[in-house]
Amino acid sequence: MRIEVDLTALKQTRWNEMLVRFCLGGLITAATGIIAKKYGPGAGGLFLAFPAIFPASATLIEKHERERRQKAGLDGTEAARKAAAVDAAGAAMGSVGLFIFALLISQLLPEYEPWIVILGGALTWAAASVFLWLVQEYQWRPSNISDQRSATRRPPSS
């Protein structure tokens, strides 16, 4: 899979879909604030790692992919699920990076200059997320899958 920027997607997004993303993201952020107020910043911080617009994005990705396949005369249900799953995997990788960022910040902020800690945390977040993406890219590369399949078909050596 190649990472690409596709600005034509902005033209395809309707205003009501943006509104849904904005509202769901806002509700999730507000819920995080309420949790932080009631149970303290530690508990609230855990919920900040949740990608706020992910639920809206996943449902919209699924809807758009299904509609695109149906326009081509195909049943797009399975492709739509796979597209949403890819988005979910990306969100999970970013969340792991965010967790590492939060851990680094919480441990180093009391001892070092804030700008250095935040910069280091952001770079660590990016590095961890990219590393996880590269690992999954390597695992799902077609040559690796065929190697794994052929390894399972070989008879045991004596």
Protein backbone atom coordinates (compact mmCIF):
# COMPACT_ATOMS: atom_id res chain seq x y z
CA MET A 1 0.00 0.00 0.00
CA ARG A 2 1.32 3.43 -0.93
CA ILE A 3 0.60 6.46 1.18
CA GLU A 4 -0.87 9.17 -1.01
CA VAL A 5 -2.63 12.50 -0.60
CA ASP A 6 -5.85 12.61 -2.60
CA LEU A 7 -7.37 16.09 -2.54
CA THR A 8 -10.25 15.02 -4.78
CA ALA A 9 -11.75 13.39 -1.70
CA LEU A 10 -12.43 16.88 -0.34
CA LYS A 11 -14.72 17.57 -3.29
CA GLN A 12 -16.60 14.32 -2.66
CA THR A 13 -17.25 15.07 1.01
CA ARG A 14 -20.62 16.64 1.66
CA TRP A 15 -21.16 19.37 4.25
CA ASN A 16 -23.48 17.17 6.32
CA GLU A 17 -20.74 14.53 6.58
CA MET A 18 -18.34 17.16 7.86
CA LEU A 19 -20.98 18.21 10.37
CA VAL A 20 -21.36 14.61 11.57
CA ARG A 21 -17.58 14.33 12.04
CA PHE A 22 -17.45 17.65 13.85
CA CYS A 23 -20.35 16.79 16.18
CA LEU A 24 -19.14 13.28 17.03
CA GLY A 25 -15.60 14.53 17.59
CA GLY A 26 -16.92 17.31 19.80
CA LEU A 27 -19.09 14.92 21.82
CA ILE A 28 -16.19 12.54 22.39
CA THR A 29 -13.92 15.42 23.42
CA ALA A 30 -16.60 16.79 25.77
CA ALA A 31 -17.08 13.34 27.30
CA THR A 32 -13.35 13.18 27.91
CA GLY A 33 -13.52 16.54 29.69
CA ILE A 34 -16.39 15.32 31.88
CA ILE A 35 -14.45 12.16 32.75
CA ALA A 36 -11.38 14.25 33.61
CA LYS A 37 -13.43 16.57 35.82
CA LYS A 38 -15.09 13.70 37.67
CA TYR A 39 -12.18 11.24 37.95
CA GLY A 40 -9.11 13.43 37.51
CA PRO A 41 -6.74 14.26 34.68
CA GLY A 42 -5.13 10.81 34.67
CA ALA A 43 -8.40 9.10 33.77
CA GLY A 44 -9.36 11.86 31.34
CA GLY A 45 -5.98 11.61 29.65
CA LEU A 46 -6.54 7.92 28.94
CA PHE A 47 -9.65 8.78 26.97
CA LEU A 48 -7.85 11.50 25.03
CA ALA A 49 -5.95 8.71 23.28
CA PHE A 50 -9.22 7.73 21.58
CA PRO A 51 -9.23 9.16 18.05
CA ALA A 52 -12.20 11.50 18.39
CA ILE A 53 -13.34 11.50 14.77
CA PHE A 54 -12.67 7.82 14.17
CA PRO A 55 -16.28 6.56 14.61
CA ALA A 56 -17.62 9.08 12.10
CA SER A 57 -14.73 8.52 9.70
CA ALA A 58 -15.08 4.74 9.76
CA THR A 59 -18.80 4.84 9.04
CA LEU A 60 -18.36 7.40 6.25
CA ILE A 61 -15.50 5.44 4.66
CA GLU A 62 -17.66 2.32 4.72
CA LYS A 63 -20.60 4.20 3.21
CA HIS A 64 -18.55 5.83 0.43
CA GLU A 65 -16.82 2.60 -0.56
CA ARG A 66 -20.11 0.70 -0.68
CA GLU A 67 -21.74 3.44 -2.79
CA ARG A 68 -18.75 3.55 -5.16
CA ARG A 69 -18.91 -0.21 -5.72
CA GLN A 70 -22.67 -0.18 -6.17
CA LYS A 71 -22.38 2.50 -8.88
CA ALA A 72 -20.08 0.10 -10.72
CA GLY A 73 -22.73 -2.62 -10.41
CA LEU A 74 -20.91 -4.59 -7.71
CA ASP A 75 -21.82 -5.62 -4.19
CA GLY A 76 -19.56 -3.36 -2.18
CA THR A 77 -20.28 -4.71 1.29
CA GLU A 78 -17.05 -6.69 1.70
CA ALA A 79 -14.87 -3.99 0.12
CA ALA A 80 -16.49 -1.37 2.36
CA ARG A 81 -15.76 -3.43 5.46
CA LYS A 82 -12.15 -3.87 4.38
CA ALA A 83 -11.76 -0.13 3.75
CA ALA A 84 -13.11 0.65 7.23
CA ALA A 85 -10.82 -2.03 8.70
CA VAL A 86 -7.77 -0.43 7.08
CA ASP A 87 -8.79 2.91 8.57
CA ALA A 88 -9.24 1.25 11.97
CA ALA A 89 -5.79 -0.33 11.75
CA GLY A 90 -4.27 3.07 10.99
CA ALA A 91 -6.11 4.62 13.94
CA ALA A 92 -4.84 1.84 16.21
CA MET A 93 -1.25 2.42 15.09
CA GLY A 94 -1.59 6.14 15.71
CA SER A 95 -3.12 5.46 19.14
CA VAL A 96 -0.17 3.28 20.13
CA GLY A 97 2.09 6.17 19.12
CA LEU A 98 -0.08 8.54 21.16
CA PHE A 99 0.16 6.27 24.19
CA ILE A 100 3.96 6.30 23.91
CA PHE A 101 3.85 10.10 23.56
CA ALA A 102 1.74 10.41 26.74
CA LEU A 103 3.98 8.04 28.67
CA LEU A 104 7.10 9.95 27.63
CA ILE A 105 5.53 13.31 28.50
CA SER A 106 4.32 12.13 31.90
CA GLN A 107 7.75 10.78 32.83
CA LEU A 108 10.01 13.54 31.47
CA LEU A 109 8.00 16.76 31.79
CA PRO A 110 8.73 17.33 35.50
CA GLU A 111 12.49 17.09 34.90
CA TYR A 112 13.18 18.82 31.56
CA GLU A 113 12.20 21.89 29.57
CA PRO A 114 8.63 21.50 28.27
CA TRP A 115 9.44 22.36 24.64
CA ILE A 116 12.18 19.72 24.50
CA VAL A 117 9.95 17.06 26.04
CA ILE A 118 7.02 17.86 23.73
CA LEU A 119 9.25 17.90 20.66
CA GLY A 120 10.84 14.60 21.68
CA GLY A 121 7.42 13.13 22.42
CA ALA A 122 6.05 14.20 19.04
CA LEU A 123 9.03 12.73 17.22
CA THR A 124 8.72 9.51 19.22
CA TRP A 125 4.99 9.35 18.43
CA ALA A 126 5.68 9.73 14.72
CA ALA A 127 8.53 7.20 14.79
CA ALA A 128 6.46 4.60 16.67
CA SER A 129 3.49 5.01 14.34
CA VAL A 130 5.63 4.78 11.21
CA PHE A 131 7.46 1.77 12.62
CA LEU A 132 4.15 -0.03 13.27
CA TRP A 133 2.98 0.82 9.75
CA LEU A 134 6.21 -0.55 8.26
CA VAL A 135 5.86 -3.75 10.29
CA GLN A 136 2.33 -4.34 9.02
CA GLU A 137 3.41 -3.47 5.46
CA TYR A 138 6.15 -6.10 5.64
CA GLN A 139 3.82 -8.73 7.13
CA TRP A 140 1.17 -8.31 4.46
CA ARG A 141 3.44 -7.97 1.45
CA PRO A 142 2.26 -10.52 -1.16
CA SER A 143 5.67 -12.24 -1.34
CA ASN A 144 5.60 -12.84 2.42
CA ILE A 145 2.07 -14.21 2.29
CA SER A 146 2.96 -16.64 -0.49
CA ASP A 147 6.09 -17.67 1.45
CA GLN A 148 3.93 -18.33 4.52
CA ARG A 149 1.40 -20.34 2.49
CA SER A 150 4.07 -22.47 0.85
CA ALA A 151 5.69 -23.08 4.23
CA THR A 152 2.43 -24.45 5.58
CA ARG A 153 2.01 -26.80 2.60
CA ARG A 154 5.43 -28.41 2.83
CA PRO A 155 5.52 -31.86 4.34
CA PRO A 156 7.48 -32.10 7.56
CA SER A 157 11.11 -33.00 7.04
CA SER A 158 12.37 -36.24 8.53
